[in-house]
PDB file of N, CA and C in Angstrom:
ATOM      1  N   MET A   1      25.183  22.043  22.430  1.00  0.00           N
ATOM      2  CA  MET A   1      23.923  21.311  23.501  1.00  0.00           C
ATOM      3  C   MET A   1      23.217  19.983  22.964  1.00  0.00           C
ATOM      4  N   TYR A   2      22.903  18.941  23.691  1.00  0.00           N
ATOM      5  CA  TYR A   2      22.323  17.897  22.672  1.00  0.00           C
ATOM      6  C   TYR A   2      21.030  17.905  22.850  1.00  0.00           C
ATOM      7  N   THR A   3      20.460  17.178  22.426  1.00  0.00           N
ATOM      8  CA  THR A   3      18.468  17.166  22.210  1.00  0.00           C
ATOM      9  C   THR A   3      18.511  15.524  22.313  1.00  0.00           C
ATOM     10  N   ALA A   4      18.066  14.875  23.224  1.00  0.00           N
ATOM     11  CA  ALA A   4      17.374  13.701  23.183  1.00  0.00           C
ATOM     12  C   ALA A   4      15.994  13.483  22.539  1.00  0.00           C
ATOM     13  N   VAL A   5      16.392  12.577  21.455  1.00  0.00           N
ATOM     14  CA  VAL A   5      15.236  12.165  20.603  1.00  0.00           C
ATOM     15  C   VAL A   5      14.815  10.661  20.947  1.00  0.00           C
ATOM     16  N   TYR A   6      12.743  10.756  21.720  1.00  0.00           N
ATOM     17  CA  TYR A   6      12.737   9.453  22.049  1.00  0.00           C
ATOM     18  C   TYR A   6      11.791   8.717  21.220  1.00  0.00           C
ATOM     19  N   THR A   7      11.775   7.777  20.619  1.00  0.00           N
ATOM     20  CA  THR A   7      10.674   7.443  19.703  1.00  0.00           C
ATOM     21  C   THR A   7      10.105   6.301  20.591  1.00  0.00           C
ATOM     22  N   ALA A   8       8.602   6.720  20.862  1.00  0.00           N
ATOM     23  CA  ALA A   8       7.684   6.006  21.554  1.00  0.00           C
ATOM     24  C   ALA A   8       7.235   4.683  20.702  1.00  0.00           C
ATOM     25  N   TYR A   9       7.439   4.090  21.344  1.00  0.00           N
ATOM     26  CA  TYR A   9       6.560   2.643  21.040  1.00  0.00           C
ATOM     27  C   TYR A   9       5.440   1.852  21.711  1.00  0.00           C
ATOM     28  N   VAL A  10       4.040   1.567  20.962  1.00  0.00           N
ATOM     29  CA  VAL A  10       3.199   1.282  21.307  1.00  0.00           C
ATOM     30  C   VAL A  10       3.205  -0.155  21.418  1.00  0.00           C
ATOM     31  N   SER A  11       2.775  -1.073  22.346  1.00  0.00           N
ATOM     32  CA  SER A  11       3.106  -2.552  21.896  1.00  0.00           C
ATOM     33  C   SER A  11       1.720  -2.997  21.740  1.00  0.00           C
ATOM     34  N   LYS A  12       0.955  -3.012  20.434  1.00  0.00           N
ATOM     35  CA  LYS A  12      -0.015  -3.401  20.128  1.00  0.00           C
ATOM     36  C   LYS A  12      -0.416  -5.236  19.611  1.00  0.00           C
ATOM     37  N   SER A  13      -0.638  -5.469  19.342  1.00  0.00           N
ATOM     38  CA  SER A  13      -1.117  -7.344  18.779  1.00  0.00           C
ATOM     39  C   SER A  13      -1.883  -7.201  17.849  1.00  0.00           C
ATOM     40  N   ILE A  14      -1.870  -7.896  16.767  1.00  0.00           N
ATOM     41  CA  ILE A  14      -2.533  -7.744  15.551  1.00  0.00           C
ATOM     42  C   ILE A  14      -2.082  -9.359  15.109  1.00  0.00           C
ATOM     43  N   ARG A  15      -4.146 -10.250  15.031  1.00  0.00           N
ATOM     44  CA  ARG A  15      -3.666 -11.343  14.703  1.00  0.00           C
ATOM     45  C   ARG A  15      -3.631 -11.099  13.303  1.00  0.00           C
ATOM     46  N   VAL A  16      -3.194 -12.545  12.989  1.00  0.00           N
ATOM     47  CA  VAL A  16      -3.088 -12.697  11.576  1.00  0.00           C
ATOM     48  C   VAL A  16      -3.216 -14.271  11.490  1.00  0.00           C
ATOM     49  N   LYS A  17      -3.853 -14.651  10.135  1.00  0.00           N
ATOM     50  CA  LYS A  17      -3.980 -16.192  10.308  1.00  0.00           C
ATOM     51  C   LYS A  17      -2.260 -16.813  10.253  1.00  0.00           C
ATOM     52  N   GLU A  18      -2.704 -18.515  10.620  1.00  0.00           N
ATOM     53  CA  GLU A  18      -1.544 -18.634  10.352  1.00  0.00           C
ATOM     54  C   GLU A  18      -0.275 -18.477   8.714  1.00  0.00           C
ATOM     55  N   ASP A  19      -1.071 -18.579   7.455  1.00  0.00           N
ATOM     56  CA  ASP A  19      -0.017 -18.800   6.288  1.00  0.00           C
ATOM     57  C   ASP A  19       0.112 -17.463   6.080  1.00  0.00           C
ATOM     58  N   THR A  20      -0.801 -16.190   6.916  1.00  0.00           N
ATOM     59  CA  THR A  20      -0.353 -14.920   6.579  1.00  0.00           C
ATOM     60  C   THR A  20       1.149 -14.948   7.527  1.00  0.00           C
ATOM     61  N   HIS A  21       1.180 -15.178   8.410  1.00  0.00           N
ATOM     62  CA  HIS A  21       2.224 -15.246   9.199  1.00  0.00           C
ATOM     63  C   HIS A  21       3.548 -15.868   8.486  1.00  0.00           C
ATOM     64  N   ALA A  22       3.684 -16.976   7.737  1.00  0.00           N
ATOM     65  CA  ALA A  22       4.530 -17.881   7.522  1.00  0.00           C
ATOM     66  C   ALA A  22       4.694 -16.829   6.236  1.00  0.00           C
ATOM     67  N   ALA A  23       3.611 -16.367   5.374  1.00  0.00           N
ATOM     68  CA  ALA A  23       4.276 -15.702   4.480  1.00  0.00           C
ATOM     69  C   ALA A  23       5.304 -14.230   4.931  1.00  0.00           C
ATOM     70  N   LEU A  24       4.886 -13.535   5.840  1.00  0.00           N
ATOM     71  CA  LEU A  24       5.584 -12.516   6.242  1.00  0.00           C
ATOM     72  C   LEU A  24       6.821 -12.909   7.028  1.00  0.00           C
ATOM     73  N   ALA A  25       6.878 -14.006   7.416  1.00  0.00           N
ATOM     74  CA  ALA A  25       7.892 -14.874   7.690  1.00  0.00           C
ATOM     75  C   ALA A  25       8.922 -14.504   6.661  1.00  0.00           C
ATOM     76  N   ALA A  26       8.813 -14.882   5.923  1.00  0.00           N
ATOM     77  CA  ALA A  26       9.263 -15.035   4.555  1.00  0.00           C
ATOM     78  C   ALA A  26      10.038 -13.996   3.694  1.00  0.00           C
ATOM     79  N   LEU A  27       8.860 -13.008   3.696  1.00  0.00           N
ATOM     80  CA  LEU A  27       9.760 -11.990   3.584  1.00  0.00           C
ATOM     81  C   LEU A  27      10.621 -11.058   4.555  1.00  0.00           C
ATOM     82  N   LYS A  28      10.624 -11.476   5.904  1.00  0.00           N
ATOM     83  CA  LYS A  28      11.236 -11.107   6.338  1.00  0.00           C
ATOM     84  C   LYS A  28      13.043 -11.024   6.614  1.00  0.00           C
ATOM     85  N   SER A  29      13.840 -10.085   6.706  1.00  0.00           N
ATOM     86  CA  SER A  29      15.269 -10.743   6.555  1.00  0.00           C
ATOM     87  C   SER A  29      15.496 -11.186   8.117  1.00  0.00           C
ATOM     88  N   GLU A  30      16.393 -11.963   8.376  1.00  0.00           N
ATOM     89  CA  GLU A  30      16.954 -12.715   8.998  1.00  0.00           C
ATOM     90  C   GLU A  30      16.893 -11.735  10.519  1.00  0.00           C
ATOM     91  N   ASP A  31      17.718  -9.947  10.294  1.00  0.00           N
ATOM     92  CA  ASP A  31      18.123  -9.557  11.345  1.00  0.00           C
ATOM     93  C   ASP A  31      17.316  -8.104  11.632  1.00  0.00           C
ATOM     94  N   GLU A  32      15.803  -8.670  10.921  1.00  0.00           N
ATOM     95  CA  GLU A  32      14.527  -7.734  11.054  1.00  0.00           C
ATOM     96  C   GLU A  32      13.345  -7.724  11.678  1.00  0.00           C
ATOM     97  N   SER A  33      13.063  -7.019  12.270  1.00  0.00           N
ATOM     98  CA  SER A  33      11.996  -7.482  13.247  1.00  0.00           C
ATOM     99  C   SER A  33      10.590  -7.711  12.263  1.00  0.00           C
ATOM    100  N   PHE A  34       9.971  -7.399  12.365  1.00  0.00           N
ATOM    101  CA  PHE A  34       8.529  -7.824  11.705  1.00  0.00           C
ATOM    102  C   PHE A  34       7.735  -6.588  11.638  1.00  0.00           C
ATOM    103  N   ASP A  35       8.238  -5.277  12.952  1.00  0.00           N
ATOM    104  CA  ASP A  35       7.285  -3.956  12.867  1.00  0.00           C
ATOM    105  C   ASP A  35       8.516  -3.500  11.539  1.00  0.00           C
ATOM    106  N   GLU A  36       9.992  -4.056  11.044  1.00  0.00           N
ATOM    107  CA  GLU A  36      10.747  -3.530  10.211  1.00  0.00           C
ATOM    108  C   GLU A  36      10.415  -3.559   9.503  1.00  0.00           C
ATOM    109  N   LEU A  37       9.635  -4.802   9.035  1.00  0.00           N
ATOM    110  CA  LEU A  37       9.451  -5.296   8.165  1.00  0.00           C
ATOM    111  C   LEU A  37       7.862  -4.365   7.615  1.00  0.00           C
ATOM    112  N   LEU A  38       7.442  -4.579   7.649  1.00  0.00           N
ATOM    113  CA  LEU A  38       6.153  -4.183   7.807  1.00  0.00           C
ATOM    114  C   LEU A  38       6.100  -2.493   7.800  1.00  0.00           C
ATOM    115  N   SER A  39       7.208  -1.821   8.396  1.00  0.00           N
ATOM    116  CA  SER A  39       7.120  -0.272   8.009  1.00  0.00           C
ATOM    117  C   SER A  39       8.209  -0.459   6.323  1.00  0.00           C
ATOM    118  N   ARG A  40       8.755  -1.400   6.428  1.00  0.00           N
ATOM    119  CA  ARG A  40       9.203  -1.649   5.017  1.00  0.00           C
ATOM    120  C   ARG A  40       8.197  -1.234   3.437  1.00  0.00           C
ATOM    121  N   LEU A  41       7.586  -2.416   4.186  1.00  0.00           N
ATOM    122  CA  LEU A  41       6.866  -2.839   2.597  1.00  0.00           C
ATOM    123  C   LEU A  41       5.183  -1.560   2.552  1.00  0.00           C
ATOM    124  N   LEU A  42       4.615  -0.902   4.014  1.00  0.00           N
ATOM    125  CA  LEU A  42       4.498  -0.178   3.699  1.00  0.00           C
ATOM    126  C   LEU A  42       5.181   1.223   2.628  1.00  0.00           C
ATOM    127  N   ARG A  43       6.507   1.500   3.298  1.00  0.00           N
ATOM    128  CA  ARG A  43       7.200   2.456   2.325  1.00  0.00           C
ATOM    129  C   ARG A  43       7.363   2.000   1.087  1.00  0.00           C
ATOM    130  N   GLU A  44       7.691   0.762   0.696  1.00  0.00           N
ATOM    131  CA  GLU A  44       7.634   0.301  -0.611  1.00  0.00           C
ATOM    132  C   GLU A  44       6.404   0.995  -1.215  1.00  0.00           C
ATOM    133  N   HIS A  45       5.535   0.457  -0.938  1.00  0.00           N
ATOM    134  CA  HIS A  45       3.848   0.301  -1.492  1.00  0.00           C
ATOM    135  C   HIS A  45       3.952   1.519  -1.465  1.00  0.00           C
ATOM    136  N   GLN A  46       4.107   2.949  -0.097  1.00  0.00           N
ATOM    137  CA  GLN A  46       4.109   4.400  -0.908  1.00  0.00           C
ATOM    138  C   GLN A  46       4.839   4.528  -2.149  1.00  0.00           C
ATOM    139  N   GLU A  47       5.921   4.268  -1.919  1.00  0.00           N
ATOM    140  CA  GLU A  47       6.705   4.503  -2.986  1.00  0.00           C
ATOM    141  C   GLU A  47       6.311   4.438  -4.546  1.00  0.00           C
ATOM    142  N   THR A  48       5.925   2.937  -5.013  1.00  0.00           N
ATOM    143  CA  THR A  48       4.913   2.167  -5.909  1.00  0.00           C
ATOM    144  C   THR A  48       3.691   3.638  -6.167  1.00  0.00           C
ATOM    145  N   VAL A  49       3.059   3.218  -5.551  1.00  0.00           N
ATOM    146  CA  VAL A  49       1.516   4.756  -5.574  1.00  0.00           C
ATOM    147  C   VAL A  49       2.357   5.847  -5.880  1.00  0.00           C
ATOM    148  N   GLU A  50       3.115   6.225  -5.696  1.00  0.00           N
ATOM    149  CA  GLU A  50       3.640   8.337  -5.986  1.00  0.00           C
ATOM    150  C   GLU A  50       4.056   8.256  -6.820  1.00  0.00           C
ATOM    151  N   SER A  51       5.184   6.770  -7.683  1.00  0.00           N
ATOM    152  CA  SER A  51       5.517   6.990  -8.822  1.00  0.00           C
ATOM    153  C   SER A  51       4.417   7.064 -10.308  1.00  0.00           C
ATOM    154  N   GLY A  52       2.959   6.687  -9.305  1.00  0.00           N
ATOM    155  CA  GLY A  52       2.671   6.124 -10.595  1.00  0.00           C
ATOM    156  C   GLY A  52       1.571   7.669 -10.796  1.00  0.00           C
ATOM    157  N   ALA A  53       1.397   8.472  -9.773  1.00  0.00           N
ATOM    158  CA  ALA A  53       1.055   9.096  -9.905  1.00  0.00           C
ATOM    159  C   ALA A  53       1.165  10.271 -11.157  1.00  0.00           C
ATOM    160  N   GLY A  54       0.497  11.082 -11.713  1.00  0.00           N
ATOM    161  CA  GLY A  54       0.262  11.722 -12.981  1.00  0.00           C
ATOM    162  C   GLY A  54       1.212  10.881 -14.068  1.00  0.00           C
ATOM    163  N   LEU A  55       0.399   9.914 -13.699  1.00  0.00           N
ATOM    164  CA  LEU A  55       1.069   8.887 -15.713  1.00  0.00           C
ATOM    165  C   LEU A  55       0.305   9.283 -16.169  1.00  0.00           C
ATOM    166  N   TRP A  56      -1.149   9.646 -16.088  1.00  0.00           N
ATOM    167  CA  TRP A  56      -1.747   9.766 -17.068  1.00  0.00           C
ATOM    168  C   TRP A  56      -2.421  11.536 -17.433  1.00  0.00           C
ATOM    169  N   ALA A  57      -1.577  12.701 -16.433  1.00  0.00           N
ATOM    170  CA  ALA A  57      -1.296  14.131 -17.239  1.00  0.00           C
ATOM    171  C   ALA A  57      -0.862  14.162 -18.889  1.00  0.00           C
ATOM    172  N   ASP A  58      -1.673  14.667 -18.774  1.00  0.00           N
ATOM    173  CA  ASP A  58      -1.399  15.470 -20.541  1.00  0.00           C
ATOM    174  C   ASP A  58      -2.119  14.622 -21.818  1.00  0.00           C
ATOM    175  N   THR A  59      -2.965  13.769 -20.830  1.00  0.00           N
ATOM    176  CA  THR A  59      -3.414  12.450 -21.422  1.00  0.00           C
ATOM    177  C   THR A  59      -4.502  12.702 -21.863  1.00  0.00           C
ATOM    178  N   ASP A  60      -5.370  12.204 -22.885  1.00  0.00           N
ATOM    179  CA  ASP A  60      -7.038  12.018 -22.697  1.00  0.00           C
ATOM    180  C   ASP A  60      -6.925  10.397 -21.405  1.00  0.00           C
ATOM    181  N   ALA A  61      -6.392   9.606 -21.013  1.00  0.00           N
ATOM    182  CA  ALA A  61      -6.620   8.820 -20.582  1.00  0.00           C
ATOM    183  C   ALA A  61      -8.009   8.579 -19.306  1.00  0.00           C
ATOM    184  N   ALA A  62      -7.432   9.671 -18.894  1.00  0.00           N
ATOM    185  CA  ALA A  62      -9.036   9.537 -17.712  1.00  0.00           C
ATOM    186  C   ALA A  62      -9.953   9.848 -17.794  1.00  0.00           C
ATOM    187  N   ASP A  63     -10.152  10.678 -19.136  1.00  0.00           N
ATOM    188  CA  ASP A  63     -11.296  10.885 -19.909  1.00  0.00           C
ATOM    189  C   ASP A  63     -11.489  10.001 -20.406  1.00  0.00           C
ATOM    190  N   GLY A  64     -11.193   8.506 -21.032  1.00  0.00           N
ATOM    191  CA  GLY A  64     -11.602   7.663 -21.626  1.00  0.00           C
ATOM    192  C   GLY A  64     -11.970   6.340 -20.758  1.00  0.00           C
ATOM    193  N   ALA A  65     -11.556   6.444 -19.430  1.00  0.00           N
ATOM    194  CA  ALA A  65     -11.339   5.663 -18.617  1.00  0.00           C
ATOM    195  C   ALA A  65     -12.625   5.988 -17.975  1.00  0.00           C
ATOM    196  N   ARG A  66     -13.160   7.451 -17.430  1.00  0.00           N
ATOM    197  CA  ARG A  66     -14.353   7.653 -16.873  1.00  0.00           C
ATOM    198  C   ARG A  66     -15.714   7.181 -17.842  1.00  0.00           C
ATOM    199  N   GLU A  67     -15.218   7.086 -19.181  1.00  0.00           N
ATOM    200  CA  GLU A  67     -16.285   7.341 -20.174  1.00  0.00           C
ATOM    201  C   GLU A  67     -16.577   5.416 -19.970  1.00  0.00           C
ATOM    202  N   ALA A  68     -15.744   4.755 -20.236  1.00  0.00           N
ATOM    203  CA  ALA A  68     -15.860   3.231 -20.022  1.00  0.00           C
ATOM    204  C   ALA A  68     -16.213   3.113 -18.904  1.00  0.00           C
ATOM    205  N   ARG A  69     -16.569   3.841 -17.479  1.00  0.00           N
ATOM    206  CA  ARG A  69     -16.946   3.264 -16.326  1.00  0.00           C
ATOM    207  C   ARG A  69     -18.395   3.866 -16.757  1.00  0.00           C
ATOM    208  N   LYS A  70     -18.756   4.607 -16.733  1.00  0.00           N
ATOM    209  CA  LYS A  70     -20.133   5.369 -17.416  1.00  0.00           C
ATOM    210  C   LYS A  70     -20.685   4.572 -18.204  1.00  0.00           C
ATOM    211  N   ARG A  71     -19.877   3.930 -18.993  1.00  0.00           N
ATOM    212  CA  ARG A  71     -20.926   2.606 -19.945  1.00  0.00           C
ATOM    213  C   ARG A  71     -20.820   1.784 -19.936  1.00  0.00           C
ATOM    214  N   MET A  72     -20.052   1.313 -18.569  1.00  0.00           N
ATOM    215  CA  MET A  72     -20.396  -0.149 -18.149  1.00  0.00           C
ATOM    216  C   MET A  72     -21.336  -0.329 -16.759  1.00  0.00           C
ATOM    217  N   LYS A  73     -21.681   1.111 -16.319  1.00  0.00           N
ATOM    218  CA  LYS A  73     -22.818   1.173 -14.988  1.00  0.00           C
ATOM    219  C   LYS A  73     -23.734   1.187 -15.864  1.00  0.00           C
ATOM    220  N   GLU A  74     -24.250   1.734 -17.178  1.00  0.00           N
ATOM    221  CA  GLU A  74     -25.392   2.153 -18.048  1.00  0.00           C
ATOM    222  C   GLU A  74     -25.749   0.508 -18.410  1.00  0.00           C
ATOM    223  N   ASP A  75     -24.353  -0.207 -19.039  1.00  0.00           N
ATOM    224  CA  ASP A  75     -25.047  -1.551 -19.321  1.00  0.00           C
ATOM    225  C   ASP A  75     -25.613  -2.072 -17.733  1.00  0.00           C
ATOM    226  N   ILE A  76     -25.079  -1.669 -16.717  1.00  0.00           N
ATOM    227  CA  ILE A  76     -25.462  -2.760 -15.418  1.00  0.00           C
ATOM    228  C   ILE A  76     -26.745  -2.721 -15.242  1.00  0.00           C
ATOM    229  N   GLY A  77     -26.863  -1.390 -15.616  1.00  0.00           N
ATOM    230  CA  GLY A  77     -27.858  -0.487 -15.091  1.00  0.00           C
ATOM    231  C   GLY A  77     -29.565  -1.120 -15.841  1.00  0.00           C
ATOM    232  N   ALA A  78     -29.038  -1.233 -17.599  1.00  0.00           N
ATOM    233  CA  ALA A  78     -29.994  -1.996 -18.666  1.00  0.00           C
ATOM    234  C   ALA A  78     -30.259  -3.028 -17.885  1.00  0.00           C
ATOM    235  N   ARG A  79     -30.132  -4.143 -17.330  1.00  0.00           N
ATOM    236  CA  ARG A  79     -30.338  -5.425 -17.861  1.00  0.00           C
ATOM    237  C   ARG A  79     -31.122  -5.695 -16.078  1.00  0.00           C
TER     238      ARG A  79
END
């Protein structure tokens, strides 16, 4: 028995500035659609974010960052 899998595509237009379009076109490979390019960039971005998750585990870096932020907020409020 075979099961057919259909991917629904919704046609949407997004407005981008000409220089943004040119930058995206430069990143796109010759055989890649803009949809494929954007999907790839999103996937790569997600992988980058996920690879950084947990880097501060078992350190006091998070506490140090919170304390630094607290001091900056206090300094701004003091003026």
